[in-house]
Amino acid sequence: MVGSARAMEVRGSFFSTINGALRSGLTMSGYQNGVQIRYAYNELQVYEVVQTTQAAFGQCLANPNVTTPPSMDELPQIVIQNGATVLRPLYKVILDP
């Protein structure tokens, strides 16, 4: 599981998969457009799920607040509301601009 990161801590409730990050081309703009977020950091944090938890899974198809090229692959998103208690940071991946 991956998410935007600035520190070795769980930030937010929205994450993607490692395959999703790879499909983004490991670029800031690819990840930002693929998960349809307004801002992306230049690092992704990779997490391990350390205990059973509830999560929601979906694919980003349309977010009217973010302009996404129609040809951009939509990436998977996972929502975990209690991420700080069930995720353990493993390592960071630096994204190309």
N, C-alpha and C. Protein backbone atom coordinates (compact mmCIF):
# COMPACT_ATOMS: atom_id res chain seq x y z
N MET A 1 0.85 -1.15 0.00
CA MET A 1 0.00 0.00 0.00
C MET A 1 0.91 1.22 0.00
N VAL A 2 0.52 2.26 -0.74
CA VAL A 2 1.34 3.46 -0.82
C VAL A 2 0.48 4.69 -0.61
N GLY A 3 1.10 5.77 -0.18
CA GLY A 3 0.44 7.06 -0.02
C GLY A 3 1.45 8.18 -0.09
N SER A 4 0.96 9.38 -0.38
CA SER A 4 1.85 10.54 -0.39
C SER A 4 2.48 10.70 0.98
N ALA A 5 3.73 11.14 1.00
CA ALA A 5 4.44 11.18 2.28
C ALA A 5 5.33 12.40 2.37
N ARG A 6 5.51 12.88 3.57
CA ARG A 6 6.51 13.88 3.87
C ARG A 6 7.35 13.45 5.06
N ALA A 7 6.86 12.51 5.81
CA ALA A 7 7.59 12.02 6.99
C ALA A 7 7.29 10.54 7.15
N MET A 8 8.07 9.87 7.97
CA MET A 8 7.84 8.43 8.21
C MET A 8 6.68 8.27 9.19
N GLU A 9 5.50 8.66 8.74
CA GLU A 9 4.30 8.51 9.55
C GLU A 9 3.13 8.32 8.60
N VAL A 10 2.02 7.84 9.11
CA VAL A 10 0.83 7.67 8.30
C VAL A 10 0.17 9.03 8.16
N ARG A 11 -0.07 9.43 6.91
CA ARG A 11 -0.68 10.74 6.63
C ARG A 11 -1.95 10.52 5.83
N GLY A 12 -3.08 10.92 6.40
CA GLY A 12 -4.34 10.83 5.69
C GLY A 12 -4.97 9.46 5.72
N SER A 13 -6.04 9.32 4.95
CA SER A 13 -6.81 8.08 4.93
C SER A 13 -6.84 7.44 3.55
N PHE A 14 -6.28 8.11 2.55
CA PHE A 14 -6.35 7.62 1.17
C PHE A 14 -5.01 7.07 0.73
N PHE A 15 -5.05 5.86 0.16
CA PHE A 15 -3.85 5.17 -0.26
C PHE A 15 -4.08 4.55 -1.62
N SER A 16 -3.04 4.05 -2.24
CA SER A 16 -3.15 3.30 -3.48
C SER A 16 -2.36 2.01 -3.30
N THR A 17 -2.27 1.25 -4.36
CA THR A 17 -1.53 0.00 -4.31
C THR A 17 -0.14 0.20 -4.92
N ILE A 18 0.75 -0.72 -4.67
CA ILE A 18 2.07 -0.65 -5.28
C ILE A 18 1.94 -0.74 -6.80
N ASN A 19 1.06 -1.61 -7.30
CA ASN A 19 0.85 -1.70 -8.74
C ASN A 19 0.31 -0.38 -9.29
N GLY A 20 -0.55 0.29 -8.54
CA GLY A 20 -1.05 1.58 -8.96
C GLY A 20 0.07 2.60 -9.08
N ALA A 21 0.96 2.61 -8.10
CA ALA A 21 2.10 3.53 -8.14
C ALA A 21 2.98 3.23 -9.36
N LEU A 22 3.19 1.96 -9.64
CA LEU A 22 4.00 1.59 -10.81
C LEU A 22 3.32 2.02 -12.11
N ARG A 23 1.99 1.88 -12.18
CA ARG A 23 1.25 2.30 -13.37
C ARG A 23 1.32 3.81 -13.57
N SER A 24 1.56 4.57 -12.50
CA SER A 24 1.66 6.02 -12.62
C SER A 24 2.97 6.45 -13.29
N GLY A 25 3.87 5.49 -13.52
CA GLY A 25 5.17 5.81 -14.08
C GLY A 25 6.13 6.33 -13.03
N LEU A 26 5.72 6.26 -11.76
CA LEU A 26 6.52 6.78 -10.63
C LEU A 26 6.91 8.24 -10.86
N THR A 27 5.95 9.01 -11.39
CA THR A 27 6.14 10.46 -11.54
C THR A 27 5.11 11.17 -10.67
N MET A 28 5.45 12.38 -10.23
CA MET A 28 4.51 13.15 -9.42
C MET A 28 3.22 13.40 -10.19
N SER A 29 3.33 13.83 -11.44
CA SER A 29 2.12 14.16 -12.21
C SER A 29 1.32 12.90 -12.53
N GLY A 30 2.00 11.79 -12.81
CA GLY A 30 1.28 10.54 -13.08
C GLY A 30 0.50 10.06 -11.88
N TYR A 31 1.12 10.13 -10.70
CA TYR A 31 0.42 9.70 -9.48
C TYR A 31 -0.70 10.67 -9.14
N GLN A 32 -0.41 11.97 -9.22
CA GLN A 32 -1.40 13.00 -8.90
C GLN A 32 -2.63 12.87 -9.80
N ASN A 33 -2.43 12.71 -11.09
CA ASN A 33 -3.56 12.57 -12.00
C ASN A 33 -4.25 11.23 -11.85
N GLY A 34 -3.49 10.17 -11.61
CA GLY A 34 -4.07 8.84 -11.51
C GLY A 34 -4.96 8.65 -10.31
N VAL A 35 -4.62 9.27 -9.19
CA VAL A 35 -5.48 9.18 -8.01
C VAL A 35 -6.33 10.44 -7.85
N GLN A 36 -6.20 11.35 -8.80
CA GLN A 36 -7.01 12.56 -8.89
C GLN A 36 -6.97 13.38 -7.60
N ILE A 37 -5.76 13.74 -7.23
CA ILE A 37 -5.59 14.64 -6.10
C ILE A 37 -5.00 15.95 -6.62
N ARG A 38 -5.25 17.00 -5.90
CA ARG A 38 -4.81 18.32 -6.36
C ARG A 38 -3.30 18.49 -6.22
N TYR A 39 -2.71 17.98 -5.14
CA TYR A 39 -1.28 18.13 -4.90
C TYR A 39 -0.67 16.78 -4.57
N ALA A 40 0.52 16.56 -5.04
CA ALA A 40 1.24 15.33 -4.69
C ALA A 40 2.65 15.71 -4.25
N TYR A 41 3.14 15.03 -3.24
CA TYR A 41 4.51 15.22 -2.82
C TYR A 41 5.43 14.46 -3.76
N ASN A 42 6.71 14.71 -3.67
CA ASN A 42 7.66 14.01 -4.55
C ASN A 42 8.08 12.66 -3.98
N GLU A 43 7.40 12.21 -2.94
CA GLU A 43 7.71 10.92 -2.33
C GLU A 43 6.43 10.13 -2.08
N LEU A 44 6.52 8.84 -2.25
CA LEU A 44 5.45 7.95 -1.82
C LEU A 44 5.98 7.13 -0.66
N GLN A 45 5.16 6.97 0.34
CA GLN A 45 5.49 6.13 1.47
C GLN A 45 4.87 4.76 1.24
N VAL A 46 5.64 3.71 1.41
CA VAL A 46 5.13 2.34 1.28
C VAL A 46 4.83 1.85 2.70
N TYR A 47 3.63 1.28 2.87
CA TYR A 47 3.17 0.82 4.18
C TYR A 47 2.90 -0.67 4.16
N GLU A 48 2.98 -1.26 5.34
CA GLU A 48 2.55 -2.63 5.57
C GLU A 48 1.32 -2.58 6.48
N VAL A 49 0.29 -3.35 6.15
CA VAL A 49 -0.88 -3.47 7.02
C VAL A 49 -0.52 -4.49 8.09
N VAL A 50 -0.57 -4.07 9.36
CA VAL A 50 -0.09 -4.94 10.45
C VAL A 50 -1.20 -5.62 11.24
N GLN A 51 -2.45 -5.26 10.96
CA GLN A 51 -3.55 -5.96 11.62
C GLN A 51 -4.80 -5.86 10.75
N THR A 52 -5.72 -6.75 10.99
CA THR A 52 -6.96 -6.77 10.23
C THR A 52 -7.71 -5.46 10.44
N THR A 53 -8.21 -4.90 9.35
CA THR A 53 -8.93 -3.64 9.43
C THR A 53 -9.96 -3.57 8.32
N GLN A 54 -10.92 -2.69 8.48
CA GLN A 54 -11.89 -2.44 7.42
C GLN A 54 -11.32 -1.39 6.48
N ALA A 55 -11.62 -1.57 5.20
CA ALA A 55 -11.15 -0.61 4.20
C ALA A 55 -12.15 -0.56 3.07
N ALA A 56 -12.16 0.54 2.36
CA ALA A 56 -12.98 0.68 1.15
C ALA A 56 -12.03 0.74 -0.03
N PHE A 57 -12.42 0.10 -1.13
CA PHE A 57 -11.58 0.06 -2.33
C PHE A 57 -12.40 0.56 -3.50
N GLY A 58 -11.76 1.37 -4.33
CA GLY A 58 -12.42 1.86 -5.53
C GLY A 58 -11.39 2.32 -6.53
N GLN A 59 -11.90 2.78 -7.67
CA GLN A 59 -11.01 3.30 -8.71
C GLN A 59 -11.42 4.73 -9.01
N CYS A 60 -10.43 5.62 -9.15
CA CYS A 60 -10.70 7.02 -9.45
C CYS A 60 -11.20 7.14 -10.87
N LEU A 61 -12.43 7.57 -11.03
CA LEU A 61 -12.98 7.72 -12.37
C LEU A 61 -13.23 9.17 -12.73
N ALA A 62 -13.68 9.97 -11.78
CA ALA A 62 -13.94 11.38 -12.10
C ALA A 62 -13.98 12.20 -10.81
N ASN A 63 -13.12 13.18 -10.74
CA ASN A 63 -13.12 14.13 -9.65
C ASN A 63 -13.19 15.51 -10.29
N PRO A 64 -14.32 16.19 -10.18
CA PRO A 64 -14.48 17.48 -10.86
C PRO A 64 -13.53 18.56 -10.35
N ASN A 65 -12.89 18.34 -9.20
CA ASN A 65 -11.97 19.34 -8.65
C ASN A 65 -10.56 19.23 -9.22
N VAL A 66 -10.31 18.20 -9.99
CA VAL A 66 -8.97 17.98 -10.54
C VAL A 66 -9.10 17.77 -12.04
N THR A 67 -8.30 18.49 -12.79
CA THR A 67 -8.30 18.31 -14.24
C THR A 67 -7.39 17.14 -14.57
N THR A 68 -7.96 16.11 -15.15
CA THR A 68 -7.21 14.91 -15.48
C THR A 68 -7.36 14.64 -16.96
N PRO A 69 -6.28 14.42 -17.68
CA PRO A 69 -6.42 14.09 -19.10
C PRO A 69 -7.28 12.84 -19.28
N PRO A 70 -8.19 12.83 -20.26
CA PRO A 70 -9.07 11.67 -20.43
C PRO A 70 -8.33 10.37 -20.69
N SER A 71 -7.12 10.43 -21.22
CA SER A 71 -6.39 9.20 -21.52
C SER A 71 -5.63 8.66 -20.31
N MET A 72 -5.60 9.39 -19.20
CA MET A 72 -4.85 8.97 -18.02
C MET A 72 -5.52 7.75 -17.37
N ASP A 73 -4.73 6.74 -17.08
CA ASP A 73 -5.26 5.57 -16.37
C ASP A 73 -5.72 5.99 -14.97
N GLU A 74 -6.89 5.52 -14.62
CA GLU A 74 -7.36 5.76 -13.25
C GLU A 74 -6.70 4.73 -12.35
N LEU A 75 -6.21 5.17 -11.22
CA LEU A 75 -5.50 4.28 -10.31
C LEU A 75 -6.42 3.85 -9.17
N PRO A 76 -6.15 2.68 -8.58
CA PRO A 76 -6.96 2.23 -7.45
C PRO A 76 -6.73 3.09 -6.22
N GLN A 77 -7.78 3.22 -5.43
CA GLN A 77 -7.67 3.92 -4.15
C GLN A 77 -8.24 3.04 -3.05
N ILE A 78 -7.58 3.11 -1.91
CA ILE A 78 -8.01 2.38 -0.73
C ILE A 78 -8.18 3.42 0.38
N VAL A 79 -9.30 3.36 1.08
CA VAL A 79 -9.55 4.27 2.19
C VAL A 79 -9.50 3.47 3.48
N ILE A 80 -8.62 3.89 4.38
CA ILE A 80 -8.51 3.29 5.71
C ILE A 80 -8.56 4.44 6.71
N GLN A 81 -9.64 4.50 7.48
CA GLN A 81 -9.81 5.63 8.38
C GLN A 81 -8.90 5.58 9.60
N ASN A 82 -8.48 4.43 10.03
CA ASN A 82 -7.62 4.31 11.21
C ASN A 82 -6.21 3.91 10.82
N GLY A 83 -5.71 4.48 9.72
CA GLY A 83 -4.40 4.11 9.19
C GLY A 83 -3.26 4.19 10.18
N ALA A 84 -3.29 5.19 11.04
CA ALA A 84 -2.19 5.37 11.99
C ALA A 84 -2.05 4.19 12.95
N THR A 85 -3.13 3.45 13.15
CA THR A 85 -3.07 2.33 14.10
C THR A 85 -2.87 0.98 13.43
N VAL A 86 -3.07 0.89 12.10
CA VAL A 86 -2.98 -0.42 11.44
C VAL A 86 -1.92 -0.49 10.35
N LEU A 87 -1.26 0.63 10.06
CA LEU A 87 -0.23 0.65 9.02
C LEU A 87 1.13 0.94 9.63
N ARG A 88 2.14 0.29 9.08
CA ARG A 88 3.52 0.54 9.52
C ARG A 88 4.31 1.02 8.31
N PRO A 89 4.93 2.21 8.41
CA PRO A 89 5.76 2.70 7.30
C PRO A 89 6.97 1.79 7.08
N LEU A 90 7.24 1.45 5.82
CA LEU A 90 8.39 0.61 5.49
C LEU A 90 9.52 1.40 4.86
N TYR A 91 9.23 2.08 3.76
CA TYR A 91 10.27 2.87 3.06
C TYR A 91 9.59 3.85 2.12
N LYS A 92 10.38 4.78 1.61
CA LYS A 92 9.87 5.80 0.69
C LYS A 92 10.40 5.54 -0.72
N VAL A 93 9.62 5.99 -1.68
CA VAL A 93 10.01 5.95 -3.08
C VAL A 93 9.99 7.39 -3.58
N ILE A 94 11.08 7.85 -4.16
CA ILE A 94 11.15 9.20 -4.71
C ILE A 94 10.56 9.18 -6.11
N LEU A 95 9.64 10.13 -6.36
CA LEU A 95 8.98 10.23 -7.66
C LEU A 95 9.72 11.22 -8.55
N ASP A 96 9.75 10.93 -9.84
CA ASP A 96 10.26 11.89 -10.80
C ASP A 96 9.27 13.04 -10.93
N PRO A 97 9.75 14.23 -11.32
CA PRO A 97 8.81 15.37 -11.47
C PRO A 97 7.75 15.13 -12.53
